[in-house]
Amino acid sequence: MNILIGVCGFGNGHSARQASVLKSLLARGHRVTLLVFDNSERYFQRHFPDIPRFGVRVPVIHVNATGIDFGKNAAEPLNRFDDGHTLNFKAMQAVLDTFGDPPDLVIADYELVAAQFAYAVDAPLITVDQHSKYAGFQFPLMNGYSRLEDRSRLGMFFPTAEARYAASFFTVDYPPDPRFAVTLIPPILREEVLQVTPTLSQHIVVYLSANLHVQHNPNAILETLGAFPEQRFIVYGLAGQTSSNVTFKPFSTTGFIADIASAKAVITNGGHNLLSELMYLGKPVYTLPAASFDQQCCADAIQRNGLGLQVDQFSTDSLARFLANLDDYRQHIHERRGLSERFDGTAYLMERLNQQFGI
């Protein structure tokens, strides 16, 4: 079967998820081609250099409390590209040239050019992401953030689909939205995480994403870590001078996974993929979610189920409270409070796709 996968390039979670899907499809003997941009283009060039991939251009879509902010999108400098249509049409033609015919299936992970191509050539389209659950279920406001952020984008990008699959490390008890049917699947974890055996050491991993740098003062965060000399912190995502209790490391997949697998806790933002991995590994989380509904919702699931602590600002008091309750958080994770029953989303997805498309 010929399968096209479109992978969002904003952040790395989409690429990590689709890498697992890609490996499963290749193992089943399918031919796969990719549409990529920005981070996803670099990711697949590095990890899957032999898989055909074609770069596309997509707009930055800003949102507000009621949905898409059209005026802000019109003023966005990153949306002022002259070669977007040319590049996208070239990529679509390249897919046809690679396969010789329209693909038998198109998978879109929050990537709209693949969906447009599927509509144009009348190929079956499915979406596989984590965001679709916010359209498929009537989530309440989260700290002033609305599900309309994702509902408006998804409605604009993927108005129809053969099926919509949304990964979730937490259970969803909110009423479904009948206008946007979505099937929840377990988290799709990296193979490297599934293969590691978690242990309990004495260090705490601090992973600060680019979004976190915008919202918080990195220097203030480092000063706060220094207020806990009895703790050992391994910091990713920041550069600084190693001290008696803080070690800075450049990011590497192998090293990072080894450190989170042996950590006693992790300090990070509210990204769905990393939080999924940490729940699978049994690690309590001190989470500073970014300014998006998705991250606020993921952090809320951590807080509401007693799996860690959600905070708006990094502080000595909140970190002390978090460290004082690590045993309780670990117990709640062990009890799977509010968590998905399965953490094998790739296998679950393949089961569904085999039933639906004979994959």
Protein backbone atom coordinates (compact mmCIF):
# COMPACT_ATOMS: atom_id res chain seq x y z
CA MET A 1 0.00 0.00 0.00
CA ASN A 2 1.21 3.54 -0.80
CA ILE A 3 0.83 5.85 2.20
CA LEU A 4 1.53 9.57 2.56
CA ILE A 5 2.15 11.04 6.02
CA GLY A 6 2.05 14.80 6.62
CA VAL A 7 3.88 15.82 9.79
CA CYS A 8 3.51 19.16 11.55
CA GLY A 9 6.85 20.91 12.05
CA PHE A 10 5.94 23.10 15.03
CA GLY A 11 7.60 21.35 17.98
CA ASN A 12 9.02 17.82 18.02
CA GLY A 13 6.11 15.79 19.40
CA HIS A 14 4.47 15.30 16.01
CA SER A 15 7.69 13.92 14.51
CA ALA A 16 8.35 11.54 17.40
CA ARG A 17 4.79 10.21 17.17
CA GLN A 18 4.86 9.70 13.41
CA ALA A 19 8.30 8.08 13.57
CA SER A 20 6.68 5.25 15.51
CA VAL A 21 3.83 5.03 12.99
CA LEU A 22 6.32 5.12 10.10
CA LYS A 23 8.37 2.24 11.52
CA SER A 24 5.24 0.11 11.91
CA LEU A 25 4.09 0.82 8.37
CA LEU A 26 7.52 0.01 6.91
CA ALA A 27 7.66 -3.21 8.92
CA ARG A 28 4.39 -4.21 7.26
CA GLY A 29 5.89 -3.67 3.81
CA HIS A 30 4.11 -0.42 2.90
CA ARG A 31 5.67 2.35 0.81
CA VAL A 32 5.66 5.64 2.67
CA THR A 33 6.34 9.21 1.60
CA LEU A 34 6.41 12.27 3.88
CA LEU A 35 5.37 15.92 3.70
CA VAL A 36 7.44 17.88 6.21
CA PHE A 37 8.48 21.38 7.22
CA ASP A 38 10.78 23.06 9.73
CA ASN A 39 11.38 20.73 12.71
CA SER A 40 9.80 17.69 11.06
CA GLU A 41 11.95 18.18 7.97
CA ARG A 42 15.12 18.18 10.05
CA TYR A 43 13.94 15.27 12.19
CA PHE A 44 13.20 12.90 9.34
CA GLN A 45 16.27 13.93 7.38
CA ARG A 46 18.35 12.95 10.42
CA HIS A 47 16.57 9.76 11.47
CA PHE A 48 15.05 8.45 8.21
CA PRO A 49 17.29 9.75 5.40
CA ASP A 50 16.19 7.05 2.94
CA ILE A 51 12.45 7.78 3.17
CA PRO A 52 11.21 10.12 0.39
CA ARG A 53 10.17 13.44 1.92
CA PHE A 54 9.12 16.72 0.40
CA GLY A 55 9.10 20.11 2.05
CA VAL A 56 5.96 22.24 2.20
CA ARG A 57 5.03 25.67 3.55
CA VAL A 58 2.21 26.17 6.02
CA PRO A 59 0.90 29.34 7.64
CA VAL A 60 1.26 30.22 11.29
CA ILE A 61 -2.29 30.25 12.69
CA HIS A 62 -2.80 32.48 15.73
CA VAL A 63 -5.90 32.05 17.85
CA ASN A 64 -7.78 33.95 20.52
CA ALA A 65 -10.51 33.10 23.00
CA THR A 66 -13.11 32.65 20.26
CA GLY A 67 -11.04 30.84 17.63
CA ILE A 68 -8.83 31.95 14.77
CA ASP A 69 -7.43 35.49 14.95
CA PHE A 70 -7.60 36.41 11.26
CA GLY A 71 -6.19 39.89 11.73
CA LYS A 72 -3.14 38.68 13.61
CA ASN A 73 -2.54 35.97 11.00
CA ALA A 74 -2.65 38.59 8.26
CA ALA A 75 0.02 40.63 10.07
CA GLU A 76 2.25 37.63 10.92
CA PRO A 77 5.67 38.11 9.23
CA LEU A 78 6.18 34.34 8.92
CA ASN A 79 3.07 34.17 6.72
CA ARG A 80 4.63 36.48 4.11
CA PHE A 81 6.22 33.90 1.84
CA ASP A 82 6.02 34.10 -1.93
CA ASP A 83 6.93 30.51 -2.76
CA GLY A 84 4.35 28.72 -0.62
CA HIS A 85 1.92 27.67 -3.34
CA THR A 86 4.73 26.75 -5.72
CA LEU A 87 6.50 24.62 -3.13
CA ASN A 88 3.29 22.89 -2.04
CA PHE A 89 2.20 22.06 -5.57
CA LYS A 90 5.69 20.74 -6.35
CA ALA A 91 5.48 18.54 -3.27
CA MET A 92 2.08 17.19 -4.32
CA GLN A 93 3.40 16.40 -7.80
CA ALA A 94 6.46 14.75 -6.27
CA VAL A 95 4.21 12.45 -4.25
CA LEU A 96 2.39 11.40 -7.43
CA ASP A 97 5.70 10.88 -9.22
CA THR A 98 7.03 8.77 -6.36
CA PHE A 99 4.02 6.50 -6.12
CA GLY A 100 2.94 6.61 -9.76
CA ASP A 101 -0.68 7.01 -8.61
CA PRO A 102 -2.54 8.80 -5.82
CA PRO A 103 -1.74 7.29 -2.43
CA ASP A 104 -3.98 4.60 -1.01
CA LEU A 105 -4.10 6.43 2.32
CA VAL A 106 -3.10 9.84 3.67
CA ILE A 107 -2.27 10.35 7.35
CA ALA A 108 -2.11 13.92 8.64
CA ASP A 109 -0.59 14.82 11.99
CA TYR A 110 -1.81 18.42 12.24
CA GLU A 111 -0.37 19.06 8.75
CA LEU A 112 -2.79 20.68 6.31
CA VAL A 113 -1.02 20.30 2.93
CA ALA A 114 -1.31 16.51 3.09
CA ALA A 115 -5.03 16.93 3.78
CA GLN A 116 -5.49 19.32 0.85
CA PHE A 117 -3.72 16.82 -1.38
CA ALA A 118 -5.97 13.98 -0.15
CA TYR A 119 -9.07 16.02 -0.95
CA ALA A 120 -7.73 16.92 -4.41
CA VAL A 121 -6.92 13.34 -5.47
CA ASP A 122 -9.85 11.75 -3.60
CA ALA A 123 -7.60 9.67 -1.33
CA PRO A 124 -8.82 8.48 2.08
CA LEU A 125 -7.65 10.84 4.83
CA ILE A 126 -7.23 10.05 8.51
CA THR A 127 -5.86 12.35 11.18
CA VAL A 128 -3.55 11.10 13.93
CA ASP A 129 -2.56 13.68 16.54
CA GLN A 130 -3.29 14.62 20.13
CA HIS A 131 -5.19 17.84 19.46
CA SER A 132 -8.34 16.37 17.90
CA LYS A 133 -9.70 15.33 21.28
CA TYR A 134 -10.21 19.00 22.09
CA ALA A 135 -12.55 19.25 19.13
CA GLY A 136 -14.18 15.87 19.68
CA PHE A 137 -15.05 16.41 23.33
CA GLN A 138 -16.54 19.40 25.13
CA PHE A 139 -13.63 20.35 27.36
CA PRO A 140 -14.28 23.29 29.71
CA LEU A 141 -12.16 26.42 29.89
CA MET A 142 -8.68 25.78 31.28
CA ASN A 143 -7.26 28.81 33.11
CA GLY A 144 -9.00 31.08 30.62
CA TYR A 145 -7.92 29.05 27.56
CA SER A 146 -10.60 27.60 25.28
CA ARG A 147 -10.86 24.42 23.23
CA LEU A 148 -11.89 26.69 20.36
CA GLU A 149 -8.16 27.20 19.76
CA ASP A 150 -7.91 23.68 18.38
CA ARG A 151 -11.51 23.29 17.22
CA SER A 152 -11.15 26.25 14.85
CA ARG A 153 -7.78 25.14 13.46
CA LEU A 154 -8.90 21.55 12.98
CA GLY A 155 -12.13 22.61 11.32
CA MET A 156 -10.18 24.83 8.93
CA PHE A 157 -7.44 22.28 8.17
CA PHE A 158 -9.41 19.01 8.16
CA PRO A 159 -13.13 19.64 7.60
CA THR A 160 -13.71 15.97 6.74
CA ALA A 161 -11.81 12.74 7.34
CA GLU A 162 -12.42 9.01 7.09
CA ALA A 163 -11.44 8.78 10.74
CA ARG A 164 -9.88 10.97 13.43
CA TYR A 165 -7.61 9.45 16.06
CA ALA A 166 -6.43 11.42 19.07
CA ALA A 167 -3.74 10.16 21.43
CA SER A 168 -4.26 10.85 25.14
CA PHE A 169 -2.28 9.84 28.22
CA PHE A 170 -5.26 10.83 30.37
CA THR A 171 -8.87 9.70 30.37
CA VAL A 172 -11.50 12.04 28.93
CA ASP A 173 -14.85 12.16 30.73
CA TYR A 174 -16.32 15.22 29.01
CA PRO A 175 -19.33 14.87 26.66
CA PRO A 176 -18.50 14.21 23.00
CA ASP A 177 -19.09 16.87 20.38
CA PRO A 178 -21.31 15.18 17.75
CA ARG A 179 -20.05 17.58 15.05
CA PHE A 180 -16.49 16.24 15.25
CA ALA A 181 -16.32 12.49 15.90
CA VAL A 182 -12.96 11.42 17.35
CA THR A 183 -11.61 8.06 18.52
CA LEU A 184 -9.26 8.24 21.49
CA ILE A 185 -6.18 6.03 21.35
CA PRO A 186 -3.40 5.42 23.90
CA PRO A 187 -0.29 7.58 23.73
CA ILE A 188 2.13 6.83 20.89
CA LEU A 189 5.49 6.53 22.61
CA ARG A 190 8.98 6.44 21.18
CA GLU A 191 10.44 2.96 20.80
CA GLU A 192 13.45 4.05 22.86
CA VAL A 193 11.15 4.88 25.78
CA LEU A 194 9.19 1.64 25.53
CA GLN A 195 12.43 -0.35 25.68
CA VAL A 196 13.97 1.37 28.70
CA THR A 197 13.59 0.05 32.26
CA PRO A 198 12.80 2.85 34.72
CA THR A 199 14.85 3.11 37.91
CA LEU A 200 14.87 5.55 40.81
CA SER A 201 17.98 7.68 41.25
CA GLN A 202 18.42 10.93 43.16
CA HIS A 203 18.50 13.48 40.34
CA ILE A 204 15.71 15.68 38.97
CA VAL A 205 15.60 16.42 35.25
CA VAL A 206 14.76 19.97 34.17
CA TYR A 207 13.73 20.31 30.54
CA LEU A 208 12.93 23.84 29.43
CA SER A 209 11.35 24.18 25.99
CA ALA A 210 11.52 27.28 23.79
CA ASN A 211 7.97 28.22 24.84
CA LEU A 212 9.04 28.13 28.46
CA HIS A 213 11.83 30.61 27.80
CA VAL A 214 9.31 33.10 26.42
CA GLN A 215 7.04 32.92 29.45
CA HIS A 216 9.56 32.59 32.25
CA ASN A 217 12.92 34.08 33.21
CA PRO A 218 15.53 31.32 32.82
CA ASN A 219 17.90 33.06 35.22
CA ALA A 220 15.22 33.20 37.90
CA ILE A 221 14.58 29.48 37.41
CA LEU A 222 18.27 28.70 37.86
CA GLU A 223 18.39 30.84 41.00
CA THR A 224 15.46 28.85 42.39
CA LEU A 225 17.24 25.56 41.72
CA GLY A 226 20.23 26.92 43.63
CA ALA A 227 17.99 27.38 46.67
CA PHE A 228 17.85 23.56 47.01
CA PRO A 229 21.51 22.59 47.50
CA GLU A 230 20.53 19.14 48.79
CA GLN A 231 18.93 18.29 45.41
CA ARG A 232 20.74 17.36 42.21
CA PHE A 233 19.33 18.87 38.99
CA ILE A 234 20.22 17.88 35.41
CA VAL A 235 19.18 20.74 33.12
CA TYR A 236 18.41 20.43 29.42
CA GLY A 237 17.52 23.37 27.22
CA LEU A 238 19.61 25.99 29.00
CA ALA A 239 23.29 26.84 29.03
CA GLY A 240 25.03 27.89 32.21
CA GLN A 241 27.86 27.25 34.61
CA THR A 242 27.70 23.88 36.34
CA SER A 243 27.42 24.27 40.11
CA SER A 244 27.42 21.90 43.05
CA ASN A 245 23.79 20.90 42.49
CA VAL A 246 23.11 21.84 38.82
CA THR A 247 24.57 20.09 35.76
CA PHE A 248 23.85 21.36 32.25
CA LYS A 249 23.67 18.91 29.37
CA PRO A 250 23.26 19.40 25.61
CA PHE A 251 20.25 17.55 24.29
CA SER A 252 20.72 14.04 22.96
CA THR A 253 17.91 11.52 22.62
CA THR A 254 19.80 8.65 24.22
CA GLY A 255 21.14 10.69 27.12
CA PHE A 256 17.85 12.44 27.79
CA ILE A 257 15.82 9.22 27.86
CA ALA A 258 18.35 7.61 30.20
CA ASP A 259 18.15 10.60 32.54
CA ILE A 260 14.33 10.77 32.69
CA ALA A 261 14.10 6.98 33.10
CA SER A 262 16.29 7.13 36.21
CA ALA A 263 15.08 10.49 37.57
CA LYS A 264 13.11 10.81 40.78
CA ALA A 265 11.07 13.64 39.21
CA VAL A 266 10.96 15.95 36.19
CA ILE A 267 10.40 19.69 35.81
CA THR A 268 9.05 20.62 32.38
CA ASN A 269 6.28 22.29 30.44
CA GLY A 270 2.94 20.73 29.47
CA GLY A 271 3.78 19.00 26.18
CA HIS A 272 1.62 15.92 25.63
CA ASN A 273 4.32 13.59 24.31
CA LEU A 274 6.83 14.11 27.10
CA LEU A 275 4.15 13.96 29.79
CA SER A 276 2.93 10.69 28.24
CA GLU A 277 6.43 9.26 28.46
CA LEU A 278 6.85 10.41 32.06
CA MET A 279 3.57 8.82 33.12
CA TYR A 280 4.61 5.59 31.42
CA LEU A 281 7.95 5.71 33.29
CA GLY A 282 6.23 6.57 36.59
CA LYS A 283 7.82 9.99 37.10
CA PRO A 284 6.13 12.83 39.07
CA VAL A 285 6.02 16.11 37.17
CA TYR A 286 6.33 19.76 38.17
CA THR A 287 4.77 21.35 35.12
CA LEU A 288 4.78 24.93 33.85
CA PRO A 289 2.40 24.75 30.87
CA ALA A 290 2.87 27.05 27.90
CA ALA A 291 0.21 29.55 26.87
CA SER A 292 -1.96 27.15 24.86
CA PHE A 293 -5.10 25.17 25.58
CA ASP A 294 -3.35 21.88 24.83
CA GLN A 295 -0.60 22.39 27.39
CA GLN A 296 -2.97 23.85 29.98
CA CYS A 297 -5.22 20.81 29.58
CA CYS A 298 -2.37 18.30 29.89
CA ALA A 299 -1.05 20.08 32.98
CA ASP A 300 -4.55 20.12 34.46
CA ALA A 301 -4.73 16.34 34.09
CA ILE A 302 -1.47 16.04 36.04
CA GLN A 303 -2.70 18.34 38.81
CA ARG A 304 -6.27 17.05 39.02
CA ASN A 305 -5.20 13.40 39.38
CA GLY A 306 -2.41 14.05 41.88
CA LEU A 307 0.35 13.00 39.48
CA GLY A 308 2.41 16.12 40.09
CA LEU A 309 2.03 19.87 40.46
CA GLN A 310 0.87 22.49 37.95
CA VAL A 311 2.14 26.04 38.45
CA ASP A 312 1.96 29.33 36.60
CA GLN A 313 5.31 30.59 37.86
CA PHE A 314 8.44 28.81 39.00
CA SER A 315 8.96 29.49 42.72
CA THR A 316 10.81 28.21 45.75
CA ASP A 317 7.58 27.59 47.67
CA SER A 318 5.87 25.56 44.95
CA LEU A 319 9.00 23.51 44.24
CA ALA A 320 9.34 22.73 47.95
CA ARG A 321 5.70 21.57 48.03
CA PHE A 322 6.30 19.40 44.97
CA LEU A 323 9.40 17.75 46.45
CA ALA A 324 7.59 17.08 49.74
CA ASN A 325 4.89 15.05 47.97
CA LEU A 326 6.89 12.89 45.55
CA ASP A 327 5.90 9.63 47.24
CA ASP A 328 2.20 10.47 46.94
CA TYR A 329 2.58 11.42 43.28
CA ARG A 330 4.39 8.15 42.53
CA GLN A 331 1.66 6.17 44.27
CA HIS A 332 -1.06 7.89 42.26
CA ILE A 333 0.82 7.21 39.01
CA HIS A 334 1.21 3.56 40.07
CA GLU A 335 -2.55 3.44 40.70
CA ARG A 336 -3.05 4.89 37.17
CA ARG A 337 -5.25 7.69 38.48
CA GLY A 338 -6.92 9.33 35.49
CA LEU A 339 -4.44 7.72 33.10
CA SER A 340 -4.97 5.73 29.94
CA GLU A 341 -5.21 1.99 30.54
CA ARG A 342 -2.78 1.33 27.68
CA PHE A 343 0.42 3.05 26.58
CA ASP A 344 0.87 1.20 23.29
CA GLY A 345 -0.79 3.67 20.95
CA THR A 346 1.06 2.54 17.82
CA ALA A 347 -0.11 -1.06 18.19
CA TYR A 348 -3.65 0.12 18.97
CA LEU A 349 -3.67 2.40 15.92
CA MET A 350 -2.39 -0.36 13.64
CA GLU A 351 -5.18 -2.63 14.88
CA ARG A 352 -7.75 -0.02 13.92
CA LEU A 353 -6.17 0.74 10.55
CA ASN A 354 -6.00 -2.94 9.73
CA GLN A 355 -9.71 -3.28 10.43
CA GLN A 356 -10.52 -0.17 8.39
CA PHE A 357 -8.04 -0.31 5.49
CA GLY A 358 -6.42 -3.74 5.61
CA ILE A 359 -3.05 -2.37 6.72
